[in-house]
Amino acid sequence: MKDEKEKLELKNPTVYQTNENCQVFTGPISGCVFAMPGATVNQSPVQQIDADKQIEQKAESATTTLYDEELFKFIHPAITGDEEWKIHEQIKKLVTRQGIQEICKYLTKLESEEKIYLPQSADSAYTELVHMGMPSGDGFNIKTFMKYYKK
């Protein structure tokens, strides 16, 4: 009977008023809690655990979405781990924000730094860049790309 009473107290926290400046709590309240007279103290360990889980899930989902994408095909084989994804993100930003000339210049620079390798076929490179988000309409056609590729 005594165990059941203790379990009830833990499930339903009870506040005892001892005087106007002090309250005694029983139940699932952890740590030391100080409160001014008339203040309400709310602490739910379950809510804190849920909040921590939500933060972890957000961080995990950000990482998961990054790795769910297909990695840029022409990353140099010597590059591994997070550096691969940094280069992938750089190229993705580049192709969505810049023109053909700037894209080709930057790719050539990355190749000279041995961060990527560029295929001999401009068609393969063009197809991969379009896959990464480069527009394929006016000013971004294969003919224009071939004009500046590897120059």
N, C-alpha and C. Protein backbone atom coordinates (compact mmCIF):
# COMPACT_ATOMS: atom_id res chain seq x y z
N MET A 1 0.82 -1.19 0.00
CA MET A 1 0.00 0.00 0.00
C MET A 1 0.87 1.25 0.00
N LYS A 2 1.95 1.23 0.78
CA LYS A 2 2.84 2.38 0.87
C LYS A 2 3.52 2.64 -0.49
N ASP A 3 3.90 1.56 -1.22
CA ASP A 3 4.53 1.71 -2.54
C ASP A 3 3.58 2.37 -3.52
N GLU A 4 2.31 1.97 -3.48
CA GLU A 4 1.32 2.57 -4.37
C GLU A 4 1.17 4.06 -4.10
N LYS A 5 1.21 4.45 -2.84
CA LYS A 5 1.08 5.85 -2.49
C LYS A 5 2.26 6.65 -3.03
N GLU A 6 3.49 6.08 -2.91
CA GLU A 6 4.68 6.74 -3.44
C GLU A 6 4.60 6.88 -4.95
N LYS A 7 4.10 5.85 -5.63
CA LYS A 7 3.96 5.91 -7.08
C LYS A 7 2.96 7.00 -7.48
N LEU A 8 1.87 7.11 -6.74
CA LEU A 8 0.90 8.16 -7.02
C LEU A 8 1.51 9.54 -6.85
N GLU A 9 2.31 9.72 -5.80
CA GLU A 9 2.94 11.00 -5.57
C GLU A 9 3.90 11.35 -6.71
N LEU A 10 4.59 10.36 -7.26
CA LEU A 10 5.50 10.61 -8.36
C LEU A 10 4.77 10.95 -9.64
N LYS A 11 3.62 10.31 -9.86
CA LYS A 11 2.86 10.58 -11.08
C LYS A 11 2.15 11.93 -11.01
N ASN A 12 1.67 12.28 -9.84
CA ASN A 12 0.94 13.53 -9.65
C ASN A 12 1.68 14.38 -8.64
N PRO A 13 2.56 15.29 -9.09
CA PRO A 13 3.32 16.09 -8.13
C PRO A 13 2.40 16.89 -7.22
N THR A 14 2.80 16.98 -5.97
CA THR A 14 2.00 17.69 -4.98
C THR A 14 2.80 18.87 -4.46
N VAL A 15 2.15 20.00 -4.26
CA VAL A 15 2.80 21.18 -3.72
C VAL A 15 2.26 21.40 -2.32
N TYR A 16 3.17 21.50 -1.36
CA TYR A 16 2.77 21.77 0.01
C TYR A 16 3.19 23.20 0.35
N GLN A 17 2.29 23.98 0.87
CA GLN A 17 2.59 25.35 1.28
C GLN A 17 3.01 25.30 2.75
N THR A 18 4.30 25.63 3.03
CA THR A 18 4.76 25.60 4.41
C THR A 18 4.66 26.96 5.06
N ASN A 19 4.94 28.00 4.32
CA ASN A 19 4.67 29.37 4.75
C ASN A 19 4.65 30.23 3.51
N GLU A 20 4.56 31.52 3.63
CA GLU A 20 4.39 32.35 2.43
C GLU A 20 5.66 32.45 1.59
N ASN A 21 6.82 32.08 2.12
CA ASN A 21 8.06 32.19 1.38
C ASN A 21 8.64 30.85 0.95
N CYS A 22 7.98 29.75 1.24
CA CYS A 22 8.58 28.46 0.96
C CYS A 22 7.52 27.47 0.49
N GLN A 23 7.86 26.72 -0.53
CA GLN A 23 7.00 25.64 -0.99
C GLN A 23 7.83 24.37 -1.06
N VAL A 24 7.26 23.24 -0.71
CA VAL A 24 7.94 21.96 -0.79
C VAL A 24 7.26 21.15 -1.88
N PHE A 25 8.04 20.61 -2.80
CA PHE A 25 7.51 19.85 -3.92
C PHE A 25 7.86 18.39 -3.75
N THR A 26 6.94 17.53 -4.15
CA THR A 26 7.26 16.11 -4.28
C THR A 26 6.85 15.72 -5.69
N GLY A 27 7.47 14.75 -6.23
CA GLY A 27 7.12 14.31 -7.57
C GLY A 27 8.31 14.42 -8.51
N PRO A 28 8.05 14.42 -9.80
CA PRO A 28 9.14 14.34 -10.79
C PRO A 28 9.80 15.70 -11.05
N ILE A 29 10.22 16.37 -9.98
CA ILE A 29 10.94 17.63 -10.16
C ILE A 29 12.38 17.35 -9.77
N SER A 30 13.30 17.65 -10.70
CA SER A 30 14.70 17.35 -10.45
C SER A 30 15.46 18.64 -10.23
N GLY A 31 16.55 18.56 -9.53
CA GLY A 31 17.38 19.72 -9.30
C GLY A 31 16.85 20.57 -8.17
N CYS A 32 17.48 21.69 -7.99
CA CYS A 32 17.08 22.61 -6.94
C CYS A 32 16.27 23.73 -7.57
N VAL A 33 15.10 23.99 -7.05
CA VAL A 33 14.21 24.99 -7.63
C VAL A 33 13.93 26.06 -6.60
N PHE A 34 14.22 27.30 -6.96
CA PHE A 34 13.91 28.44 -6.09
C PHE A 34 12.87 29.29 -6.80
N ALA A 35 11.87 29.74 -6.07
CA ALA A 35 10.82 30.56 -6.68
C ALA A 35 10.40 31.64 -5.71
N MET A 36 10.00 32.75 -6.28
CA MET A 36 9.48 33.85 -5.48
C MET A 36 8.07 33.48 -5.01
N PRO A 37 7.61 34.09 -3.92
CA PRO A 37 6.24 33.82 -3.46
C PRO A 37 5.22 34.13 -4.55
N GLY A 38 4.31 33.25 -4.74
CA GLY A 38 3.28 33.44 -5.75
C GLY A 38 3.67 32.93 -7.13
N ALA A 39 4.94 32.55 -7.31
CA ALA A 39 5.39 32.05 -8.60
C ALA A 39 4.94 30.61 -8.79
N THR A 40 4.77 30.22 -10.03
CA THR A 40 4.40 28.85 -10.35
C THR A 40 5.63 28.14 -10.91
N VAL A 41 5.91 26.98 -10.41
CA VAL A 41 7.06 26.21 -10.88
C VAL A 41 6.53 25.04 -11.69
N ASN A 42 6.91 24.99 -12.95
CA ASN A 42 6.52 23.88 -13.83
C ASN A 42 7.78 23.25 -14.38
N GLN A 43 7.91 21.99 -14.18
CA GLN A 43 9.03 21.27 -14.75
C GLN A 43 8.55 19.88 -15.10
N SER A 44 8.69 19.53 -16.36
CA SER A 44 8.29 18.21 -16.79
C SER A 44 9.48 17.53 -17.46
N PRO A 45 10.07 16.53 -16.82
CA PRO A 45 11.20 15.85 -17.44
C PRO A 45 10.85 15.25 -18.79
N VAL A 46 9.62 14.80 -18.96
CA VAL A 46 9.19 14.21 -20.23
C VAL A 46 9.24 15.26 -21.33
N GLN A 47 8.78 16.49 -21.03
CA GLN A 47 8.81 17.56 -22.03
C GLN A 47 10.25 17.91 -22.39
N GLN A 48 11.15 17.93 -21.43
CA GLN A 48 12.55 18.25 -21.70
C GLN A 48 13.18 17.19 -22.59
N ILE A 49 12.89 15.93 -22.31
CA ILE A 49 13.41 14.84 -23.13
C ILE A 49 12.88 14.97 -24.55
N ASP A 50 11.59 15.27 -24.70
CA ASP A 50 11.02 15.44 -26.03
C ASP A 50 11.68 16.60 -26.77
N ALA A 51 11.94 17.70 -26.09
CA ALA A 51 12.60 18.85 -26.72
C ALA A 51 14.00 18.48 -27.17
N ASP A 52 14.74 17.75 -26.34
CA ASP A 52 16.08 17.30 -26.71
C ASP A 52 16.05 16.39 -27.93
N LYS A 53 15.06 15.50 -27.97
CA LYS A 53 14.92 14.60 -29.12
C LYS A 53 14.62 15.37 -30.40
N GLN A 54 13.77 16.40 -30.30
CA GLN A 54 13.45 17.22 -31.47
C GLN A 54 14.68 17.93 -32.00
N ILE A 55 15.51 18.44 -31.11
CA ILE A 55 16.74 19.12 -31.54
C ILE A 55 17.65 18.13 -32.24
N GLU A 56 17.81 16.94 -31.68
CA GLU A 56 18.64 15.91 -32.30
C GLU A 56 18.10 15.51 -33.67
N GLN A 57 16.76 15.38 -33.78
CA GLN A 57 16.16 14.99 -35.05
C GLN A 57 16.37 16.05 -36.11
N LYS A 58 16.27 17.34 -35.74
CA LYS A 58 16.50 18.41 -36.71
C LYS A 58 17.93 18.36 -37.24
N ALA A 59 18.89 18.19 -36.35
CA ALA A 59 20.29 18.12 -36.76
C ALA A 59 20.52 16.89 -37.63
N GLU A 60 19.91 15.78 -37.26
CA GLU A 60 20.06 14.54 -38.03
C GLU A 60 19.42 14.66 -39.41
N SER A 61 18.25 15.31 -39.49
CA SER A 61 17.58 15.43 -40.78
C SER A 61 18.35 16.35 -41.71
N ALA A 62 19.00 17.38 -41.17
CA ALA A 62 19.81 18.26 -42.01
C ALA A 62 20.97 17.48 -42.62
N THR A 63 21.61 16.64 -41.82
CA THR A 63 22.71 15.82 -42.31
C THR A 63 22.19 14.78 -43.30
N THR A 64 21.06 14.17 -43.01
CA THR A 64 20.51 13.13 -43.86
C THR A 64 20.15 13.68 -45.24
N THR A 65 19.52 14.85 -45.29
CA THR A 65 19.14 15.40 -46.59
C THR A 65 20.37 15.73 -47.42
N LEU A 66 21.45 16.17 -46.77
CA LEU A 66 22.67 16.45 -47.50
C LEU A 66 23.22 15.17 -48.11
N TYR A 67 23.25 14.09 -47.32
CA TYR A 67 23.82 12.85 -47.82
C TYR A 67 22.84 12.04 -48.68
N ASP A 68 21.58 12.43 -48.71
CA ASP A 68 20.63 11.76 -49.59
C ASP A 68 20.85 12.17 -51.05
N GLU A 69 21.43 13.35 -51.26
CA GLU A 69 21.72 13.79 -52.62
C GLU A 69 22.83 12.93 -53.20
N GLU A 70 22.85 12.87 -54.53
CA GLU A 70 23.92 12.15 -55.18
C GLU A 70 25.14 13.06 -55.27
N LEU A 71 26.27 12.59 -54.80
CA LEU A 71 27.51 13.36 -54.78
C LEU A 71 27.96 13.69 -56.20
N PHE A 72 28.52 14.89 -56.39
CA PHE A 72 29.07 15.30 -57.69
C PHE A 72 30.02 14.22 -58.19
N LYS A 73 29.83 13.77 -59.42
CA LYS A 73 30.56 12.60 -59.93
C LYS A 73 32.06 12.81 -60.09
N PHE A 74 32.48 14.05 -60.30
CA PHE A 74 33.87 14.28 -60.67
C PHE A 74 34.74 14.79 -59.52
N ILE A 75 34.38 14.43 -58.28
CA ILE A 75 35.22 14.74 -57.13
C ILE A 75 36.50 13.90 -57.25
N HIS A 76 37.63 14.53 -56.98
CA HIS A 76 38.91 13.82 -57.09
C HIS A 76 38.94 12.66 -56.09
N PRO A 77 39.47 11.51 -56.48
CA PRO A 77 39.48 10.34 -55.60
C PRO A 77 40.27 10.54 -54.30
N ALA A 78 41.20 11.49 -54.27
CA ALA A 78 41.98 11.73 -53.05
C ALA A 78 41.17 12.46 -51.99
N ILE A 79 40.08 13.08 -52.37
CA ILE A 79 39.23 13.83 -51.44
C ILE A 79 38.25 12.86 -50.80
N THR A 80 38.12 12.95 -49.46
CA THR A 80 37.20 12.04 -48.76
C THR A 80 36.41 12.80 -47.70
N GLY A 81 35.38 12.14 -47.21
CA GLY A 81 34.61 12.64 -46.07
C GLY A 81 33.86 13.93 -46.31
N ASP A 82 33.91 14.79 -45.31
CA ASP A 82 33.16 16.05 -45.36
C ASP A 82 33.68 16.98 -46.45
N GLU A 83 34.95 16.87 -46.78
CA GLU A 83 35.52 17.72 -47.84
C GLU A 83 34.80 17.48 -49.17
N GLU A 84 34.43 16.22 -49.44
CA GLU A 84 33.67 15.90 -50.66
C GLU A 84 32.37 16.71 -50.71
N TRP A 85 31.67 16.74 -49.57
CA TRP A 85 30.38 17.42 -49.52
C TRP A 85 30.53 18.93 -49.57
N LYS A 86 31.64 19.45 -49.04
CA LYS A 86 31.89 20.89 -49.15
C LYS A 86 32.09 21.29 -50.61
N ILE A 87 32.87 20.49 -51.33
CA ILE A 87 33.09 20.76 -52.76
C ILE A 87 31.78 20.62 -53.52
N HIS A 88 31.01 19.60 -53.19
CA HIS A 88 29.70 19.38 -53.82
C HIS A 88 28.82 20.62 -53.65
N GLU A 89 28.75 21.15 -52.42
CA GLU A 89 27.93 22.34 -52.15
C GLU A 89 28.46 23.56 -52.88
N GLN A 90 29.79 23.71 -52.98
CA GLN A 90 30.38 24.83 -53.72
C GLN A 90 29.96 24.79 -55.18
N ILE A 91 30.04 23.63 -55.77
CA ILE A 91 29.69 23.48 -57.18
C ILE A 91 28.20 23.71 -57.38
N LYS A 92 27.40 23.21 -56.46
CA LYS A 92 25.95 23.40 -56.55
C LYS A 92 25.60 24.89 -56.50
N LYS A 93 26.20 25.63 -55.58
CA LYS A 93 25.97 27.08 -55.51
C LYS A 93 26.45 27.76 -56.77
N LEU A 94 27.61 27.36 -57.26
CA LEU A 94 28.19 27.94 -58.46
C LEU A 94 27.27 27.81 -59.67
N VAL A 95 26.78 26.61 -59.90
CA VAL A 95 25.99 26.39 -61.12
C VAL A 95 24.61 27.04 -61.04
N THR A 96 24.12 27.31 -59.84
CA THR A 96 22.80 27.94 -59.73
C THR A 96 22.90 29.47 -59.74
N ARG A 97 24.11 30.02 -59.51
CA ARG A 97 24.24 31.47 -59.38
C ARG A 97 25.06 32.14 -60.47
N GLN A 98 25.89 31.39 -61.19
CA GLN A 98 26.83 32.00 -62.14
C GLN A 98 26.53 31.60 -63.58
N GLY A 99 27.20 32.28 -64.50
CA GLY A 99 27.08 31.98 -65.93
C GLY A 99 28.08 30.92 -66.34
N ILE A 100 28.00 30.52 -67.60
CA ILE A 100 28.85 29.45 -68.15
C ILE A 100 30.33 29.77 -68.00
N GLN A 101 30.73 31.00 -68.34
CA GLN A 101 32.14 31.36 -68.29
C GLN A 101 32.70 31.22 -66.88
N GLU A 102 32.00 31.73 -65.90
CA GLU A 102 32.45 31.65 -64.51
C GLU A 102 32.47 30.21 -64.02
N ILE A 103 31.47 29.44 -64.42
CA ILE A 103 31.41 28.03 -64.02
C ILE A 103 32.64 27.30 -64.55
N CYS A 104 32.94 27.49 -65.83
CA CYS A 104 34.07 26.80 -66.43
C CYS A 104 35.40 27.24 -65.81
N LYS A 105 35.55 28.53 -65.51
CA LYS A 105 36.77 29.03 -64.86
C LYS A 105 36.95 28.38 -63.49
N TYR A 106 35.88 28.34 -62.72
CA TYR A 106 35.98 27.79 -61.38
C TYR A 106 36.25 26.28 -61.42
N LEU A 107 35.63 25.58 -62.34
CA LEU A 107 35.89 24.14 -62.47
C LEU A 107 37.35 23.90 -62.83
N THR A 108 37.90 24.72 -63.72
CA THR A 108 39.31 24.59 -64.09
C THR A 108 40.21 24.86 -62.88
N LYS A 109 39.85 25.85 -62.07
CA LYS A 109 40.60 26.16 -60.85
C LYS A 109 40.55 24.97 -59.88
N LEU A 110 39.36 24.40 -59.67
CA LEU A 110 39.24 23.24 -58.79
C LEU A 110 40.05 22.05 -59.30
N GLU A 111 40.10 21.90 -60.62
CA GLU A 111 40.87 20.81 -61.19
C GLU A 111 42.36 21.03 -60.94
N SER A 112 42.84 22.28 -61.09
CA SER A 112 44.26 22.55 -60.84
C SER A 112 44.63 22.37 -59.37
N GLU A 113 43.67 22.55 -58.47
CA GLU A 113 43.89 22.31 -57.04
C GLU A 113 43.71 20.84 -56.67
N GLU A 114 43.42 20.01 -57.65
CA GLU A 114 43.19 18.57 -57.49
C GLU A 114 42.04 18.26 -56.53
N LYS A 115 40.99 19.07 -56.61
CA LYS A 115 39.78 18.80 -55.83
C LYS A 115 38.76 18.05 -56.68
N ILE A 116 38.79 18.28 -57.98
CA ILE A 116 37.93 17.54 -58.91
C ILE A 116 38.78 17.14 -60.11
N TYR A 117 38.25 16.26 -60.91
CA TYR A 117 38.84 15.97 -62.22
C TYR A 117 37.75 16.19 -63.25
N LEU A 118 38.14 16.69 -64.39
CA LEU A 118 37.16 16.97 -65.44
C LEU A 118 37.30 15.94 -66.55
N PRO A 119 36.21 15.39 -67.01
CA PRO A 119 36.28 14.40 -68.08
C PRO A 119 36.67 15.05 -69.41
N GLN A 120 37.20 14.25 -70.32
CA GLN A 120 37.55 14.76 -71.65
C GLN A 120 36.30 15.20 -72.40
N SER A 121 35.22 14.48 -72.21
CA SER A 121 33.97 14.77 -72.90
C SER A 121 33.23 15.92 -72.22
N ALA A 122 33.03 16.99 -72.97
CA ALA A 122 32.28 18.13 -72.45
C ALA A 122 30.82 17.74 -72.22
N ASP A 123 30.32 16.80 -73.01
CA ASP A 123 28.93 16.35 -72.85
C ASP A 123 28.69 15.76 -71.45
N SER A 124 29.64 14.94 -70.99
CA SER A 124 29.50 14.32 -69.66
C SER A 124 29.49 15.39 -68.57
N ALA A 125 30.42 16.34 -68.67
CA ALA A 125 30.50 17.40 -67.67
C ALA A 125 29.23 18.26 -67.70
N TYR A 126 28.77 18.60 -68.89
CA TYR A 126 27.55 19.42 -69.03
C TYR A 126 26.35 18.71 -68.41
N THR A 127 26.20 17.43 -68.70
CA THR A 127 25.09 16.65 -68.16
C THR A 127 25.13 16.62 -66.64
N GLU A 128 26.31 16.43 -66.06
CA GLU A 128 26.44 16.40 -64.60
C GLU A 128 26.12 17.76 -63.98
N LEU A 129 26.56 18.84 -64.63
CA LEU A 129 26.28 20.18 -64.09
C LEU A 129 24.80 20.52 -64.17
N VAL A 130 24.14 20.08 -65.22
CA VAL A 130 22.69 20.28 -65.32
C VAL A 130 22.01 19.48 -64.21
N HIS A 131 22.51 18.28 -63.95
CA HIS A 131 21.98 17.46 -62.86
C HIS A 131 22.17 18.16 -61.51
N MET A 132 23.24 18.92 -61.37
CA MET A 132 23.53 19.64 -60.13
C MET A 132 22.68 20.91 -59.99
N GLY A 133 22.00 21.33 -61.05
CA GLY A 133 21.13 22.49 -60.94
C GLY A 133 21.41 23.60 -61.93
N MET A 134 22.37 23.41 -62.83
CA MET A 134 22.66 24.45 -63.83
C MET A 134 21.50 24.53 -64.82
N PRO A 135 21.06 25.75 -65.17
CA PRO A 135 19.99 25.87 -66.17
C PRO A 135 20.46 25.31 -67.52
N SER A 136 19.55 24.90 -68.34
CA SER A 136 19.93 24.36 -69.64
C SER A 136 19.28 25.14 -70.79
N GLY A 137 18.73 26.30 -70.48
CA GLY A 137 18.05 27.11 -71.50
C GLY A 137 19.00 28.06 -72.20
N ASP A 138 18.46 29.20 -72.60
CA ASP A 138 19.24 30.21 -73.33
C ASP A 138 20.48 30.63 -72.55
N GLY A 139 21.61 30.65 -73.25
CA GLY A 139 22.87 31.04 -72.63
C GLY A 139 23.54 29.93 -71.86
N PHE A 140 22.85 28.84 -71.66
CA PHE A 140 23.41 27.72 -70.92
C PHE A 140 23.36 26.43 -71.75
N ASN A 141 23.34 26.57 -73.06
CA ASN A 141 23.25 25.37 -73.90
C ASN A 141 24.62 24.70 -74.04
N ILE A 142 24.63 23.51 -74.59
CA ILE A 142 25.86 22.72 -74.70
C ILE A 142 26.90 23.40 -75.59
N LYS A 143 26.43 24.11 -76.63
CA LYS A 143 27.34 24.78 -77.55
C LYS A 143 28.14 25.87 -76.81
N THR A 144 27.46 26.65 -76.01
CA THR A 144 28.13 27.70 -75.23
C THR A 144 29.08 27.07 -74.21
N PHE A 145 28.64 25.99 -73.59
CA PHE A 145 29.46 25.31 -72.60
C PHE A 145 30.75 24.80 -73.24
N MET A 146 30.66 24.19 -74.41
CA MET A 146 31.83 23.64 -75.09
C MET A 146 32.83 24.74 -75.47
N LYS A 147 32.33 25.93 -75.70
CA LYS A 147 33.18 27.07 -76.07
C LYS A 147 34.14 27.43 -74.95
N TYR A 148 33.71 27.29 -73.69
CA TYR A 148 34.52 27.70 -72.55
C TYR A 148 35.09 26.54 -71.74
N TYR A 149 34.66 25.33 -72.02
CA TYR A 149 35.09 24.15 -71.23
C TYR A 149 36.58 23.90 -71.40
N LYS A 150 37.30 23.76 -70.28
CA LYS A 150 38.74 23.46 -70.23
C LYS A 150 39.57 24.50 -70.97
N LYS A 151 39.24 25.76 -70.86
CA LYS A 151 40.05 26.81 -71.49
C LYS A 151 40.61 27.72 -70.45
